[in-house]
Amino acid sequence: MTDTGISRRDPEGMDRRDDIAAALRANYEGQRRAMVAADPDALGDLLQDDFTLTHMTGYVQPKTEWLTDVRSGWMTYHDVRDVEVSVAPGASTPSSRSAR
C-alpha cells in the first residue's frame, strides 16, 4: 500500500493515481496561464494557503507576498518554459523547474 491507500498492484488504484496526476498537472497549467496573464486572483484560487514559491536565488516567498508582487507588476511573467515537471507517487503537488 502507498500513503494514498492505493495498492501498487490494483489496476483501479493505478487509474486513480493517473487521475490525480492529471488533475495536478492541469492545476499547474492553470497556474502558468495565470502567471503570464498577471492574474493574481486566479493564482490565489489555484494555490493552497500554505503555498510558497522558491526563487532561483533560494528565497522562499509566501503566497500572499508573491500574489501582492504579481498584482503590483513587480513580478511579471512573459512566458513560462518548463524544464521538468513531475508528480511523485502519493504526492499532492507537482514539482517543477522552469526556465526564464
C-alpha atoms as a PDB file:
ATOM      1  CA  MET A   1       0.000   0.000   0.000  1.00  0.00           C
ATOM      2  CA  THR A   2       1.090   3.571  -0.639  1.00  0.00           C
ATOM      3  CA  ASP A   3       0.401   6.527   1.630  1.00  0.00           C
ATOM      4  CA  THR A   4      -2.668   7.210  -0.535  1.00  0.00           C
ATOM      5  CA  GLY A   5      -4.132   3.828   0.453  1.00  0.00           C
ATOM      6  CA  ILE A   6      -3.827   2.553  -3.112  1.00  0.00           C
ATOM      7  CA  SER A   7      -2.232  -0.813  -3.705  1.00  0.00           C
ATOM      8  CA  ARG A   8       0.503  -0.644  -6.337  1.00  0.00           C
ATOM      9  CA  ARG A   9      -0.930  -3.811  -7.935  1.00  0.00           C
ATOM     10  CA  ASP A  10      -4.524  -2.570  -8.038  1.00  0.00           C
ATOM     11  CA  PRO A  11      -5.456  -1.522 -11.610  1.00  0.00           C
ATOM     12  CA  GLU A  12      -8.206   0.760 -10.254  1.00  0.00           C
ATOM     13  CA  GLY A  13      -5.677   2.338  -7.924  1.00  0.00           C
ATOM     14  CA  MET A  14      -3.396   2.930 -10.899  1.00  0.00           C
ATOM     15  CA  ASP A  15      -6.225   4.716 -12.689  1.00  0.00           C
ATOM     16  CA  ARG A  16      -6.844   6.863  -9.607  1.00  0.00           C
ATOM     17  CA  ARG A  17      -3.141   7.784  -9.366  1.00  0.00           C
ATOM     18  CA  ASP A  18      -3.189   8.694 -13.056  1.00  0.00           C
ATOM     19  CA  ASP A  19      -6.308  10.828 -12.492  1.00  0.00           C
ATOM     20  CA  ILE A  20      -4.682  12.588  -9.531  1.00  0.00           C
ATOM     21  CA  ALA A  21      -1.501  13.250 -11.525  1.00  0.00           C
ATOM     22  CA  ALA A  22      -3.575  14.595 -14.443  1.00  0.00           C
ATOM     23  CA  ALA A  23      -5.522  16.900 -12.101  1.00  0.00           C
ATOM     24  CA  LEU A  24      -2.287  18.197 -10.555  1.00  0.00           C
ATOM     25  CA  ARG A  25      -0.803  18.844 -13.996  1.00  0.00           C
ATOM     26  CA  ALA A  26      -3.998  20.646 -15.103  1.00  0.00           C
ATOM     27  CA  ASN A  27      -3.851  22.837 -11.987  1.00  0.00           C
ATOM     28  CA  TYR A  28      -0.201  23.620 -12.694  1.00  0.00           C
ATOM     29  CA  GLU A  29      -1.042  24.541 -16.294  1.00  0.00           C
ATOM     30  CA  GLY A  30      -3.701  26.911 -14.940  1.00  0.00           C
ATOM     31  CA  GLN A  31      -1.068  28.461 -12.675  1.00  0.00           C
ATOM     32  CA  ARG A  32       1.245  29.010 -15.643  1.00  0.00           C
ATOM     33  CA  ARG A  33      -1.530  30.675 -17.656  1.00  0.00           C
ATOM     34  CA  ALA A  34      -2.464  32.905 -14.699  1.00  0.00           C
ATOM     35  CA  MET A  35       1.191  33.898 -14.206  1.00  0.00           C
ATOM     36  CA  VAL A  36       1.569  35.041 -17.821  1.00  0.00           C
ATOM     37  CA  ALA A  37      -1.836  36.767 -17.678  1.00  0.00           C
ATOM     38  CA  ALA A  38      -0.797  38.526 -14.428  1.00  0.00           C
ATOM     39  CA  ASP A  39      -3.987  37.264 -12.781  1.00  0.00           C
ATOM     40  CA  PRO A  40      -3.304  37.023  -9.026  1.00  0.00           C
ATOM     41  CA  ASP A  41      -6.958  36.222  -8.269  1.00  0.00           C
ATOM     42  CA  ALA A  42      -6.833  33.110 -10.472  1.00  0.00           C
ATOM     43  CA  LEU A  43      -3.487  32.157  -8.927  1.00  0.00           C
ATOM     44  CA  GLY A  44      -4.914  32.598  -5.449  1.00  0.00           C
ATOM     45  CA  ASP A  45      -7.793  30.258  -6.288  1.00  0.00           C
ATOM     46  CA  LEU A  46      -5.417  27.589  -7.641  1.00  0.00           C
ATOM     47  CA  LEU A  47      -2.889  27.633  -4.787  1.00  0.00           C
ATOM     48  CA  GLN A  48      -3.205  26.324  -1.246  1.00  0.00           C
ATOM     49  CA  ASP A  49      -2.925  28.847   1.571  1.00  0.00           C
ATOM     50  CA  ASP A  50       0.453  27.443   2.659  1.00  0.00           C
ATOM     51  CA  PHE A  51       1.922  27.652  -0.875  1.00  0.00           C
ATOM     52  CA  THR A  52       5.436  29.023  -1.170  1.00  0.00           C
ATOM     53  CA  LEU A  53       7.476  29.864  -4.248  1.00  0.00           C
ATOM     54  CA  THR A  54      11.199  29.123  -4.181  1.00  0.00           C
ATOM     55  CA  HIS A  55      13.059  31.540  -6.419  1.00  0.00           C
ATOM     56  CA  MET A  56      16.260  30.665  -8.250  1.00  0.00           C
ATOM     57  CA  THR A  57      18.088  32.744  -5.627  1.00  0.00           C
ATOM     58  CA  GLY A  58      16.819  30.359  -2.947  1.00  0.00           C
ATOM     59  CA  TYR A  59      14.402  32.900  -1.475  1.00  0.00           C
ATOM     60  CA  VAL A  60      11.232  31.162  -0.271  1.00  0.00           C
ATOM     61  CA  GLN A  61       8.337  33.571  -0.805  1.00  0.00           C
ATOM     62  CA  PRO A  62       4.953  33.101   0.923  1.00  0.00           C
ATOM     63  CA  LYS A  63       1.831  33.000  -1.248  1.00  0.00           C
ATOM     64  CA  THR A  64       0.377  36.330  -0.097  1.00  0.00           C
ATOM     65  CA  GLU A  65       3.647  38.189  -0.668  1.00  0.00           C
ATOM     66  CA  TRP A  66       4.090  36.676  -4.128  1.00  0.00           C
ATOM     67  CA  LEU A  67       0.492  37.467  -5.157  1.00  0.00           C
ATOM     68  CA  THR A  68       0.991  41.057  -3.977  1.00  0.00           C
ATOM     69  CA  ASP A  69       4.100  41.265  -6.185  1.00  0.00           C
ATOM     70  CA  VAL A  70       2.186  39.834  -9.169  1.00  0.00           C
ATOM     71  CA  ARG A  71      -0.710  42.261  -8.560  1.00  0.00           C
ATOM     72  CA  SER A  72       1.614  45.281  -8.390  1.00  0.00           C
ATOM     73  CA  GLY A  73       3.550  44.267 -11.510  1.00  0.00           C
ATOM     74  CA  TRP A  74       6.756  43.777  -9.516  1.00  0.00           C
ATOM     75  CA  MET A  75       6.726  40.132 -10.668  1.00  0.00           C
ATOM     76  CA  THR A  76       5.988  39.895 -14.382  1.00  0.00           C
ATOM     77  CA  TYR A  77       5.956  36.687 -16.422  1.00  0.00           C
ATOM     78  CA  HIS A  78       6.026  36.920 -20.208  1.00  0.00           C
ATOM     79  CA  ASP A  79       6.412  33.192 -20.729  1.00  0.00           C
ATOM     80  CA  VAL A  80       6.991  30.066 -18.644  1.00  0.00           C
ATOM     81  CA  ARG A  81       9.059  27.256 -20.124  1.00  0.00           C
ATOM     82  CA  ASP A  82       9.239  24.107 -18.073  1.00  0.00           C
ATOM     83  CA  VAL A  83      12.494  22.246 -17.826  1.00  0.00           C
ATOM     84  CA  GLU A  84      10.954  19.455 -15.792  1.00  0.00           C
ATOM     85  CA  VAL A  85       7.542  18.732 -14.262  1.00  0.00           C
ATOM     86  CA  SER A  86       6.936  15.600 -12.227  1.00  0.00           C
ATOM     87  CA  VAL A  87       4.374  14.209  -9.810  1.00  0.00           C
ATOM     88  CA  ALA A  88       5.778  11.725  -7.305  1.00  0.00           C
ATOM     89  CA  PRO A  89       3.581   8.766  -6.319  1.00  0.00           C
ATOM     90  CA  GLY A  90       1.416   9.824  -3.382  1.00  0.00           C
ATOM     91  CA  ALA A  91       2.341  13.490  -3.787  1.00  0.00           C
ATOM     92  CA  SER A  92      -0.256  16.231  -3.566  1.00  0.00           C
ATOM     93  CA  THR A  93       1.772  18.809  -5.504  1.00  0.00           C
ATOM     94  CA  PRO A  94       3.784  18.713  -8.699  1.00  0.00           C
ATOM     95  CA  SER A  95       7.462  19.514  -8.635  1.00  0.00           C
ATOM     96  CA  SER A  96       8.722  21.747 -11.413  1.00  0.00           C
ATOM     97  CA  ARG A  97      11.758  23.608 -12.666  1.00  0.00           C
ATOM     98  CA  SER A  98      11.178  26.411 -15.132  1.00  0.00           C
ATOM     99  CA  ALA A  99      13.485  28.453 -17.330  1.00  0.00           C
ATOM    100  CA  ARG A 100      13.327  32.198 -17.783  1.00  0.00           C
END
